[in-house]
């Protein structure tokens, strides 16, 4: 199993309403990929953060293996959602690791 975790920070120039809309659209778009991409075992997006957080959104996904993660990254449905997310964020951090 491979775990794929991403943390994003939204652009400062977005209004609060634009941020809320972007978070909801991103969450729905990513979680909609469940069952549509082979090897994607689990996907969850967190947007209801505590005040102590210093980022806006987190993706936590599990894949059967590295090949499944690579296929996900090239999948047209994923690329469409990722394109939108890139348009509303200023920072992205990612960590991928094998679950032992």
PDB file of N, CA and C in Angstrom:
ATOM      1  N   UNK A   1       0.839  -1.181   0.000  1.00  0.00           N
ATOM      2  CA  UNK A   1       0.000   0.000   0.000  1.00  0.00           C
ATOM      3  C   UNK A   1       0.887   1.248   0.000  1.00  0.00           C
ATOM      4  N   UNK A   2       0.411   2.276  -0.679  1.00  0.00           N
ATOM      5  CA  UNK A   2       1.121   3.552  -0.740  1.00  0.00           C
ATOM      6  C   UNK A   2       0.176   4.646  -0.243  1.00  0.00           C
ATOM      7  N   UNK A   3       0.685   5.465   0.616  1.00  0.00           N
ATOM      8  CA  UNK A   3      -0.071   6.602   1.153  1.00  0.00           C
ATOM      9  C   UNK A   3       0.383   7.863   0.440  1.00  0.00           C
ATOM     10  N   UNK A   4      -0.572   8.707   0.060  1.00  0.00           N
ATOM     11  CA  UNK A   4      -0.335   9.952  -0.681  1.00  0.00           C
ATOM     12  C   UNK A   4      -1.018  11.063   0.112  1.00  0.00           C
ATOM     13  N   UNK A   5      -0.224  11.951   0.685  1.00  0.00           N
ATOM     14  CA  UNK A   5      -0.758  13.025   1.527  1.00  0.00           C
ATOM     15  C   UNK A   5      -0.300  14.363   0.949  1.00  0.00           C
ATOM     16  N   UNK A   6      -1.264  15.260   0.740  1.00  0.00           N
ATOM     17  CA  UNK A   6      -0.947  16.594   0.229  1.00  0.00           C
ATOM     18  C   UNK A   6      -1.604  17.625   1.136  1.00  0.00           C
ATOM     19  N   UNK A   7      -0.877  18.710   1.382  1.00  0.00           N
ATOM     20  CA  UNK A   7      -1.410  19.830   2.149  1.00  0.00           C
ATOM     21  C   UNK A   7      -1.278  21.082   1.287  1.00  0.00           C
ATOM     22  N   UNK A   8      -2.376  21.838   1.177  1.00  0.00           N
ATOM     23  CA  UNK A   8      -2.411  23.045   0.356  1.00  0.00           C
ATOM     24  C   UNK A   8      -2.752  24.272   1.192  1.00  0.00           C
ATOM     25  N   UNK A   9      -2.259  25.408   0.729  1.00  0.00           N
ATOM     26  CA  UNK A   9      -2.638  26.710   1.268  1.00  0.00           C
ATOM     27  C   UNK A   9      -3.250  27.514   0.127  1.00  0.00           C
ATOM     28  N   UNK A  10      -4.422  28.063   0.392  1.00  0.00           N
ATOM     29  CA  UNK A  10      -5.117  28.853  -0.623  1.00  0.00           C
ATOM     30  C   UNK A  10      -4.476  30.225  -0.799  1.00  0.00           C
ATOM     31  N   UNK A  11      -4.717  30.813  -1.963  1.00  0.00           N
ATOM     32  CA  UNK A  11      -4.198  32.146  -2.269  1.00  0.00           C
ATOM     33  C   UNK A  11      -4.787  33.184  -1.310  1.00  0.00           C
ATOM     34  N   UNK A  12      -3.966  34.137  -0.896  1.00  0.00           N
ATOM     35  CA  UNK A  12      -4.398  35.205   0.008  1.00  0.00           C
ATOM     36  C   UNK A  12      -5.359  36.179  -0.653  1.00  0.00           C
ATOM     37  N   UNK A  13      -5.313  36.293  -1.968  1.00  0.00           N
ATOM     38  CA  UNK A  13      -6.162  37.272  -2.645  1.00  0.00           C
ATOM     39  C   UNK A  13      -7.603  36.801  -2.850  1.00  0.00           C
ATOM     40  N   UNK A  14      -7.921  35.575  -2.450  1.00  0.00           N
ATOM     41  CA  UNK A  14      -9.292  35.091  -2.554  1.00  0.00           C
ATOM     42  C   UNK A  14     -10.122  35.640  -1.400  1.00  0.00           C
ATOM     43  N   UNK A  15     -11.373  35.992  -1.680  1.00  0.00           N
ATOM     44  CA  UNK A  15     -12.281  36.407  -0.598  1.00  0.00           C
ATOM     45  C   UNK A  15     -12.632  35.181   0.239  1.00  0.00           C
ATOM     46  N   UNK A  16     -13.215  35.397   1.386  1.00  0.00           N
ATOM     47  CA  UNK A  16     -13.613  34.267   2.237  1.00  0.00           C
ATOM     48  C   UNK A  16     -14.612  33.376   1.501  1.00  0.00           C
ATOM     49  N   UNK A  17     -15.534  33.975   0.772  1.00  0.00           N
ATOM     50  CA  UNK A  17     -16.514  33.190   0.009  1.00  0.00           C
ATOM     51  C   UNK A  17     -15.825  32.392  -1.096  1.00  0.00           C
ATOM     52  N   UNK A  18     -14.875  33.010  -1.780  1.00  0.00           N
ATOM     53  CA  UNK A  18     -14.128  32.293  -2.818  1.00  0.00           C
ATOM     54  C   UNK A  18     -13.330  31.139  -2.218  1.00  0.00           C
ATOM     55  N   UNK A  19     -12.754  31.353  -1.054  1.00  0.00           N
ATOM     56  CA  UNK A  19     -12.016  30.274  -0.381  1.00  0.00           C
ATOM     57  C   UNK A  19     -12.951  29.127  -0.027  1.00  0.00           C
ATOM     58  N   UNK A  20     -14.089  29.459   0.543  1.00  0.00           N
ATOM     59  CA  UNK A  20     -15.057  28.419   0.909  1.00  0.00           C
ATOM     60  C   UNK A  20     -15.488  27.639  -0.319  1.00  0.00           C
ATOM     61  N   UNK A  21     -15.819  28.349  -1.384  1.00  0.00           N
ATOM     62  CA  UNK A  21     -16.232  27.681  -2.629  1.00  0.00           C
ATOM     63  C   UNK A  21     -15.118  26.805  -3.192  1.00  0.00           C
ATOM     64  N   UNK A  22     -13.888  27.297  -3.144  1.00  0.00           N
ATOM     65  CA  UNK A  22     -12.746  26.526  -3.663  1.00  0.00           C
ATOM     66  C   UNK A  22     -12.525  25.258  -2.843  1.00  0.00           C
ATOM     67  N   UNK A  23     -12.633  25.364  -1.540  1.00  0.00           N
ATOM     68  CA  UNK A  23     -12.460  24.196  -0.676  1.00  0.00           C
ATOM     69  C   UNK A  23     -13.520  23.144  -0.966  1.00  0.00           C
ATOM     70  N   UNK A  24     -14.767  23.574  -1.061  1.00  0.00           N
ATOM     71  CA  UNK A  24     -15.863  22.631  -1.312  1.00  0.00           C
ATOM     72  C   UNK A  24     -15.719  21.982  -2.682  1.00  0.00           C
ATOM     73  N   UNK A  25     -15.424  22.776  -3.697  1.00  0.00           N
ATOM     74  CA  UNK A  25     -15.254  22.237  -5.053  1.00  0.00           C
ATOM     75  C   UNK A  25     -14.087  21.252  -5.111  1.00  0.00           C
ATOM     76  N   UNK A  26     -12.983  21.582  -4.457  1.00  0.00           N
ATOM     77  CA  UNK A  26     -11.810  20.695  -4.440  1.00  0.00           C
ATOM     78  C   UNK A  26     -12.132  19.388  -3.740  1.00  0.00           C
ATOM     79  N   UNK A  27     -12.756  19.464  -2.588  1.00  0.00           N
ATOM     80  CA  UNK A  27     -13.115  18.272  -1.821  1.00  0.00           C
ATOM     81  C   UNK A  27     -14.034  17.364  -2.635  1.00  0.00           C
ATOM     82  N   UNK A  28     -15.086  17.948  -3.182  1.00  0.00           N
ATOM     83  CA  UNK A  28     -16.034  17.150  -3.974  1.00  0.00           C
ATOM     84  C   UNK A  28     -15.364  16.526  -5.189  1.00  0.00           C
ATOM     85  N   UNK A  29     -14.552  17.324  -5.881  1.00  0.00           N
ATOM     86  CA  UNK A  29     -13.893  16.817  -7.082  1.00  0.00           C
ATOM     87  C   UNK A  29     -12.950  15.670  -6.793  1.00  0.00           C
ATOM     88  N   UNK A  30     -12.154  15.807  -5.755  1.00  0.00           N
ATOM     89  CA  UNK A  30     -11.204  14.746  -5.414  1.00  0.00           C
ATOM     90  C   UNK A  30     -11.907  13.510  -4.876  1.00  0.00           C
ATOM     91  N   UNK A  31     -12.845  13.699  -3.967  1.00  0.00           N
ATOM     92  CA  UNK A  31     -13.516  12.535  -3.377  1.00  0.00           C
ATOM     93  C   UNK A  31     -14.398  11.821  -4.393  1.00  0.00           C
ATOM     94  N   UNK A  32     -14.818  12.516  -5.445  1.00  0.00           N
ATOM     95  CA  UNK A  32     -15.606  11.911  -6.514  1.00  0.00           C
ATOM     96  C   UNK A  32     -14.774  10.897  -7.308  1.00  0.00           C
ATOM     97  N   UNK A  33     -13.461  10.955  -7.172  1.00  0.00           N
ATOM     98  CA  UNK A  33     -12.589  10.025  -7.890  1.00  0.00           C
ATOM     99  C   UNK A  33     -12.639   8.612  -7.302  1.00  0.00           C
ATOM    100  N   UNK A  34     -13.149   8.496  -6.085  1.00  0.00           N
ATOM    101  CA  UNK A  34     -13.256   7.181  -5.438  1.00  0.00           C
ATOM    102  C   UNK A  34     -14.089   6.255  -6.318  1.00  0.00           C
ATOM    103  N   UNK A  35     -13.561   5.068  -6.590  1.00  0.00           N
ATOM    104  CA  UNK A  35     -14.272   4.097  -7.410  1.00  0.00           C
ATOM    105  C   UNK A  35     -14.123   4.308  -8.909  1.00  0.00           C
ATOM    106  N   UNK A  36     -13.443   5.378  -9.312  1.00  0.00           N
ATOM    107  CA  UNK A  36     -13.291   5.678 -10.737  1.00  0.00           C
ATOM    108  C   UNK A  36     -11.878   5.461 -11.232  1.00  0.00           C
ATOM    109  N   UNK A  37     -10.943   5.244 -10.305  1.00  0.00           N
ATOM    110  CA  UNK A  37      -9.544   5.062 -10.683  1.00  0.00           C
ATOM    111  C   UNK A  37      -9.055   3.762 -10.056  1.00  0.00           C
ATOM    112  N   UNK A  38      -8.628   2.858 -10.909  1.00  0.00           N
ATOM    113  CA  UNK A  38      -8.161   1.560 -10.426  1.00  0.00           C
ATOM    114  C   UNK A  38      -6.955   1.729  -9.509  1.00  0.00           C
ATOM    115  N   UNK A  39      -6.985   1.037  -8.393  1.00  0.00           N
ATOM    116  CA  UNK A  39      -5.886   1.077  -7.441  1.00  0.00           C
ATOM    117  C   UNK A  39      -6.025   2.150  -6.379  1.00  0.00           C
ATOM    118  N   UNK A  40      -6.997   3.045  -6.528  1.00  0.00           N
ATOM    119  CA  UNK A  40      -7.266   4.062  -5.503  1.00  0.00           C
ATOM    120  C   UNK A  40      -8.171   3.414  -4.462  1.00  0.00           C
ATOM    121  N   UNK A  41      -7.592   3.073  -3.339  1.00  0.00           N
ATOM    122  CA  UNK A  41      -8.312   2.350  -2.298  1.00  0.00           C
ATOM    123  C   UNK A  41      -9.146   3.268  -1.406  1.00  0.00           C
ATOM    124  N   UNK A  42      -8.612   4.436  -1.103  1.00  0.00           N
ATOM    125  CA  UNK A  42      -9.266   5.343  -0.156  1.00  0.00           C
ATOM    126  C   UNK A  42      -8.835   6.764  -0.487  1.00  0.00           C
ATOM    127  N   UNK A  43      -9.785   7.718  -0.375  1.00  0.00           N
ATOM    128  CA  UNK A  43      -9.445   9.124  -0.587  1.00  0.00           C
ATOM    129  C   UNK A  43     -10.347   9.968   0.308  1.00  0.00           C
ATOM    130  N   UNK A  44      -9.741  10.875   1.027  1.00  0.00           N
ATOM    131  CA  UNK A  44     -10.472  11.758   1.933  1.00  0.00           C
ATOM    132  C   UNK A  44      -9.797  13.123   1.903  1.00  0.00           C
ATOM    133  N   UNK A  45     -10.615  14.170   1.821  1.00  0.00           N
ATOM    134  CA  UNK A  45     -10.112  15.534   1.824  1.00  0.00           C
ATOM    135  C   UNK A  45     -10.653  16.228   3.070  1.00  0.00           C
ATOM    136  N   UNK A  46      -9.764  16.855   3.813  1.00  0.00           N
ATOM    137  CA  UNK A  46     -10.132  17.536   5.052  1.00  0.00           C
ATOM    138  C   UNK A  46     -10.082  19.048   4.829  1.00  0.00           C
ATOM    139  N   UNK A  47     -11.196  19.723   5.125  1.00  0.00           N
ATOM    140  CA  UNK A  47     -11.259  21.174   4.953  1.00  0.00           C
ATOM    141  C   UNK A  47     -11.764  21.888   6.202  1.00  0.00           C
ATOM    142  N   UNK A  48     -12.223  21.162   7.196  1.00  0.00           N
ATOM    143  CA  UNK A  48     -12.741  21.759   8.432  1.00  0.00           C
ATOM    144  C   UNK A  48     -11.636  21.766   9.480  1.00  0.00           C
ATOM    145  N   UNK A  49     -10.748  22.721   9.353  1.00  0.00           N
ATOM    146  CA  UNK A  49      -9.540  22.745  10.169  1.00  0.00           C
ATOM    147  C   UNK A  49      -9.758  23.493  11.486  1.00  0.00           C
ATOM    148  N   UNK A  50      -8.979  23.129  12.468  1.00  0.00           N
ATOM    149  CA  UNK A  50      -8.960  23.876  13.722  1.00  0.00           C
ATOM    150  C   UNK A  50      -8.220  25.194  13.517  1.00  0.00           C
ATOM    151  N   UNK A  51      -8.461  26.148  14.380  1.00  0.00           N
ATOM    152  CA  UNK A  51      -7.796  27.451  14.283  1.00  0.00           C
ATOM    153  C   UNK A  51      -6.277  27.346  14.398  1.00  0.00           C
ATOM    154  N   UNK A  52      -5.781  26.279  14.996  1.00  0.00           N
ATOM    155  CA  UNK A  52      -4.334  26.102  15.153  1.00  0.00           C
ATOM    156  C   UNK A  52      -3.646  25.674  13.848  1.00  0.00           C
ATOM    157  N   UNK A  53      -4.417  25.399  12.799  1.00  0.00           N
ATOM    158  CA  UNK A  53      -3.855  24.954  11.521  1.00  0.00           C
ATOM    159  C   UNK A  53      -3.198  26.113  10.779  1.00  0.00           C
ATOM    160  N   UNK A  54      -2.174  25.788   9.996  1.00  0.00           N
ATOM    161  CA  UNK A  54      -1.539  26.808   9.161  1.00  0.00           C
ATOM    162  C   UNK A  54      -1.597  26.436   7.676  1.00  0.00           C
ATOM    163  N   UNK A  55      -2.547  25.592   7.321  1.00  0.00           N
ATOM    164  CA  UNK A  55      -2.845  25.248   5.932  1.00  0.00           C
ATOM    165  C   UNK A  55      -4.359  25.148   5.817  1.00  0.00           C
ATOM    166  N   UNK A  56      -4.851  25.064   4.590  1.00  0.00           N
ATOM    167  CA  UNK A  56      -6.295  25.123   4.374  1.00  0.00           C
ATOM    168  C   UNK A  56      -6.961  23.793   4.031  1.00  0.00           C
ATOM    169  N   UNK A  57      -6.204  22.877   3.429  1.00  0.00           N
ATOM    170  CA  UNK A  57      -6.830  21.653   2.944  1.00  0.00           C
ATOM    171  C   UNK A  57      -5.798  20.530   2.925  1.00  0.00           C
ATOM    172  N   UNK A  58      -6.276  19.294   3.205  1.00  0.00           N
ATOM    173  CA  UNK A  58      -5.387  18.138   3.176  1.00  0.00           C
ATOM    174  C   UNK A  58      -6.060  16.979   2.461  1.00  0.00           C
ATOM    175  N   UNK A  59      -5.303  16.349   1.593  1.00  0.00           N
ATOM    176  CA  UNK A  59      -5.724  15.122   0.914  1.00  0.00           C
ATOM    177  C   UNK A  59      -4.998  13.958   1.568  1.00  0.00           C
ATOM    178  N   UNK A  60      -5.742  12.899   1.861  1.00  0.00           N
ATOM    179  CA  UNK A  60      -5.158  11.676   2.403  1.00  0.00           C
ATOM    180  C   UNK A  60      -5.708  10.529   1.562  1.00  0.00           C
ATOM    181  N   UNK A  61      -4.846   9.928   0.740  1.00  0.00           N
ATOM    182  CA  UNK A  61      -5.282   8.865  -0.163  1.00  0.00           C
ATOM    183  C   UNK A  61      -4.383   7.641  -0.005  1.00  0.00           C
ATOM    184  N   UNK A  62      -4.964   6.492  -0.254  1.00  0.00           N
ATOM    185  CA  UNK A  62      -4.233   5.230  -0.189  1.00  0.00           C
ATOM    186  C   UNK A  62      -4.400   4.498  -1.516  1.00  0.00           C
ATOM    187  N   UNK A  63      -3.286   4.005  -2.034  1.00  0.00           N
ATOM    188  CA  UNK A  63      -3.258   3.276  -3.298  1.00  0.00           C
ATOM    189  C   UNK A  63      -2.711   1.879  -3.075  1.00  0.00           C
ATOM    190  N   UNK A  64      -3.045   0.978  -3.985  1.00  0.00           N
ATOM    191  CA  UNK A  64      -2.574  -0.392  -3.850  1.00  0.00           C
ATOM    192  C   UNK A  64      -1.061  -0.492  -3.959  1.00  0.00           C
ATOM    193  N   UNK A  65      -0.461   0.371  -4.808  1.00  0.00           N
ATOM    194  CA  UNK A  65       0.990   0.331  -5.001  1.00  0.00           C
ATOM    195  C   UNK A  65       1.441   1.602  -5.724  1.00  0.00           C
ATOM    196  N   UNK A  66       2.730   1.722  -5.968  1.00  0.00           N
ATOM    197  CA  UNK A  66       3.279   2.909  -6.634  1.00  0.00           C
ATOM    198  C   UNK A  66       2.758   3.064  -8.061  1.00  0.00           C
ATOM    199  N   UNK A  67       2.535   1.957  -8.739  1.00  0.00           N
ATOM    200  CA  UNK A  67       2.013   2.022 -10.112  1.00  0.00           C
ATOM    201  C   UNK A  67       0.614   2.629 -10.121  1.00  0.00           C
ATOM    202  N   UNK A  68      -0.196   2.292  -9.136  1.00  0.00           N
ATOM    203  CA  UNK A  68      -1.545   2.864  -9.042  1.00  0.00           C
ATOM    204  C   UNK A  68      -1.474   4.366  -8.775  1.00  0.00           C
ATOM    205  N   UNK A  69      -0.542   4.796  -7.933  1.00  0.00           N
ATOM    206  CA  UNK A  69      -0.360   6.231  -7.682  1.00  0.00           C
ATOM    207  C   UNK A  69       0.064   6.938  -8.964  1.00  0.00           C
ATOM    208  N   UNK A  70       0.980   6.346  -9.702  1.00  0.00           N
ATOM    209  CA  UNK A  70       1.443   6.946 -10.960  1.00  0.00           C
ATOM    210  C   UNK A  70       0.294   7.046 -11.965  1.00  0.00           C
ATOM    211  N   UNK A  71      -0.549   6.029 -12.037  1.00  0.00           N
ATOM    212  CA  UNK A  71      -1.692   6.049 -12.951  1.00  0.00           C
ATOM    213  C   UNK A  71      -2.695   7.127 -12.536  1.00  0.00           C
ATOM    214  N   UNK A  72      -2.923   7.278 -11.252  1.00  0.00           N
ATOM    215  CA  UNK A  72      -3.808   8.318 -10.715  1.00  0.00           C
ATOM    216  C   UNK A  72      -3.318   9.701 -11.122  1.00  0.00           C
ATOM    217  N   UNK A  73      -2.022   9.909 -11.030  1.00  0.00           N
ATOM    218  CA  UNK A  73      -1.458  11.224 -11.333  1.00  0.00           C
ATOM    219  C   UNK A  73      -1.619  11.600 -12.801  1.00  0.00           C
ATOM    220  N   UNK A  74      -1.785  10.619 -13.680  1.00  0.00           N
ATOM    221  CA  UNK A  74      -1.961  10.870 -15.115  1.00  0.00           C
ATOM    222  C   UNK A  74      -3.419  10.772 -15.552  1.00  0.00           C
ATOM    223  N   UNK A  75      -4.298  10.357 -14.658  1.00  0.00           N
ATOM    224  CA  UNK A  75      -5.702  10.149 -14.992  1.00  0.00           C
ATOM    225  C   UNK A  75      -6.374  11.473 -15.367  1.00  0.00           C
ATOM    226  N   UNK A  76      -7.109  11.531 -16.483  1.00  0.00           N
ATOM    227  CA  UNK A  76      -7.740  12.777 -16.928  1.00  0.00           C
ATOM    228  C   UNK A  76      -8.705  13.379 -15.899  1.00  0.00           C
ATOM    229  N   UNK A  77      -9.454  12.549 -15.190  1.00  0.00           N
ATOM    230  CA  UNK A  77     -10.371  13.062 -14.164  1.00  0.00           C
ATOM    231  C   UNK A  77      -9.598  13.733 -13.037  1.00  0.00           C
ATOM    232  N   UNK A  78      -8.491  13.119 -12.633  1.00  0.00           N
ATOM    233  CA  UNK A  78      -7.656  13.715 -11.596  1.00  0.00           C
ATOM    234  C   UNK A  78      -7.017  14.997 -12.104  1.00  0.00           C
ATOM    235  N   UNK A  79      -6.522  14.975 -13.330  1.00  0.00           N
ATOM    236  CA  UNK A  79      -5.859  16.158 -13.887  1.00  0.00           C
ATOM    237  C   UNK A  79      -6.802  17.356 -13.961  1.00  0.00           C
ATOM    238  N   UNK A  80      -8.075  17.106 -14.233  1.00  0.00           N
ATOM    239  CA  UNK A  80      -9.054  18.194 -14.276  1.00  0.00           C
ATOM    240  C   UNK A  80      -9.210  18.841 -12.901  1.00  0.00           C
ATOM    241  N   UNK A  81      -9.361  18.029 -11.870  1.00  0.00           N
ATOM    242  CA  UNK A  81      -9.491  18.557 -10.499  1.00  0.00           C
ATOM    243  C   UNK A  81      -8.194  19.237 -10.075  1.00  0.00           C
ATOM    244  N   UNK A  82      -7.068  18.613 -10.371  1.00  0.00           N
ATOM    245  CA  UNK A  82      -5.769  19.171 -10.001  1.00  0.00           C
ATOM    246  C   UNK A  82      -5.537  20.523 -10.660  1.00  0.00           C
ATOM    247  N   UNK A  83      -5.992  20.688 -11.883  1.00  0.00           N
ATOM    248  CA  UNK A  83      -5.861  21.973 -12.567  1.00  0.00           C
ATOM    249  C   UNK A  83      -6.612  23.070 -11.847  1.00  0.00           C
ATOM    250  N   UNK A  84      -7.824  22.753 -11.403  1.00  0.00           N
ATOM    251  CA  UNK A  84      -8.582  23.742 -10.643  1.00  0.00           C
ATOM    252  C   UNK A  84      -7.856  24.073  -9.342  1.00  0.00           C
ATOM    253  N   UNK A  85      -7.395  23.063  -8.633  1.00  0.00           N
ATOM    254  CA  UNK A  85      -6.723  23.293  -7.349  1.00  0.00           C
ATOM    255  C   UNK A  85      -5.488  24.164  -7.551  1.00  0.00           C
ATOM    256  N   UNK A  86      -4.707  23.886  -8.580  1.00  0.00           N
ATOM    257  CA  UNK A  86      -3.520  24.710  -8.856  1.00  0.00           C
ATOM    258  C   UNK A  86      -3.885  26.185  -9.056  1.00  0.00           C
ATOM    259  N   UNK A  87      -5.079  26.445  -9.553  1.00  0.00           N
ATOM    260  CA  UNK A  87      -5.492  27.824  -9.815  1.00  0.00           C
ATOM    261  C   UNK A  87      -5.862  28.597  -8.547  1.00  0.00           C
ATOM    262  N   UNK A  88      -6.076  27.899  -7.440  1.00  0.00           N
ATOM    263  CA  UNK A  88      -6.526  28.585  -6.216  1.00  0.00           C
ATOM    264  C   UNK A  88      -5.541  28.477  -5.050  1.00  0.00           C
ATOM    265  N   UNK A  89      -4.423  27.792  -5.247  1.00  0.00           N
ATOM    266  CA  UNK A  89      -3.479  27.616  -4.141  1.00  0.00           C
ATOM    267  C   UNK A  89      -2.156  28.348  -4.400  1.00  0.00           C
ATOM    268  N   UNK A  90      -1.459  28.621  -3.296  1.00  0.00           N
ATOM    269  CA  UNK A  90      -0.131  29.224  -3.392  1.00  0.00           C
ATOM    270  C   UNK A  90       0.956  28.258  -2.952  1.00  0.00           C
ATOM    271  N   UNK A  91       0.570  27.245  -2.184  1.00  0.00           N
ATOM    272  CA  UNK A  91       1.577  26.341  -1.647  1.00  0.00           C
ATOM    273  C   UNK A  91       1.026  24.924  -1.615  1.00  0.00           C
ATOM    274  N   UNK A  92       1.888  23.974  -1.954  1.00  0.00           N
ATOM    275  CA  UNK A  92       1.534  22.556  -1.956  1.00  0.00           C
ATOM    276  C   UNK A  92       2.701  21.777  -1.375  1.00  0.00           C
ATOM    277  N   UNK A  93       2.403  20.952  -0.416  1.00  0.00           N
ATOM    278  CA  UNK A  93       3.391  20.028   0.142  1.00  0.00           C
ATOM    279  C   UNK A  93       2.853  18.625  -0.029  1.00  0.00           C
ATOM    280  N   UNK A  94       3.733  17.699  -0.392  1.00  0.00           N
ATOM    281  CA  UNK A  94       3.302  16.317  -0.646  1.00  0.00           C
ATOM    282  C   UNK A  94       4.280  15.349   0.004  1.00  0.00           C
ATOM    283  N   UNK A  95       3.736  14.260   0.514  1.00  0.00           N
ATOM    284  CA  UNK A  95       4.577  13.157   0.948  1.00  0.00           C
ATOM    285  C   UNK A  95       3.902  11.863   0.521  1.00  0.00           C
ATOM    286  N   UNK A  96       4.669  10.994  -0.107  1.00  0.00           N
ATOM    287  CA  UNK A  96       4.224   9.679  -0.515  1.00  0.00           C
ATOM    288  C   UNK A  96       5.102   8.658   0.202  1.00  0.00           C
ATOM    289  N   UNK A  97       4.478   7.622   0.734  1.00  0.00           N
ATOM    290  CA  UNK A  97       5.280   6.616   1.417  1.00  0.00           C
ATOM    291  C   UNK A  97       4.592   5.262   1.375  1.00  0.00           C
ATOM    292  N   UNK A  98       5.408   4.243   1.509  1.00  0.00           N
ATOM    293  CA  UNK A  98       4.907   2.867   1.534  1.00  0.00           C
ATOM    294  C   UNK A  98       4.454   2.547   2.951  1.00  0.00           C
ATOM    295  N   UNK A  99       3.255   2.020   3.045  1.00  0.00           N
ATOM    296  CA  UNK A  99       2.730   1.598   4.342  1.00  0.00           C
ATOM    297  C   UNK A  99       3.225   0.186   4.596  1.00  0.00           C
ATOM    298  N   UNK A 100       3.956   0.025   5.664  1.00  0.00           N
ATOM    299  CA  UNK A 100       4.510  -1.306   5.988  1.00  0.00           C
ATOM    300  C   UNK A 100       3.577  -2.088   6.868  1.00  0.00           C
TER     301      UNK A 100
END
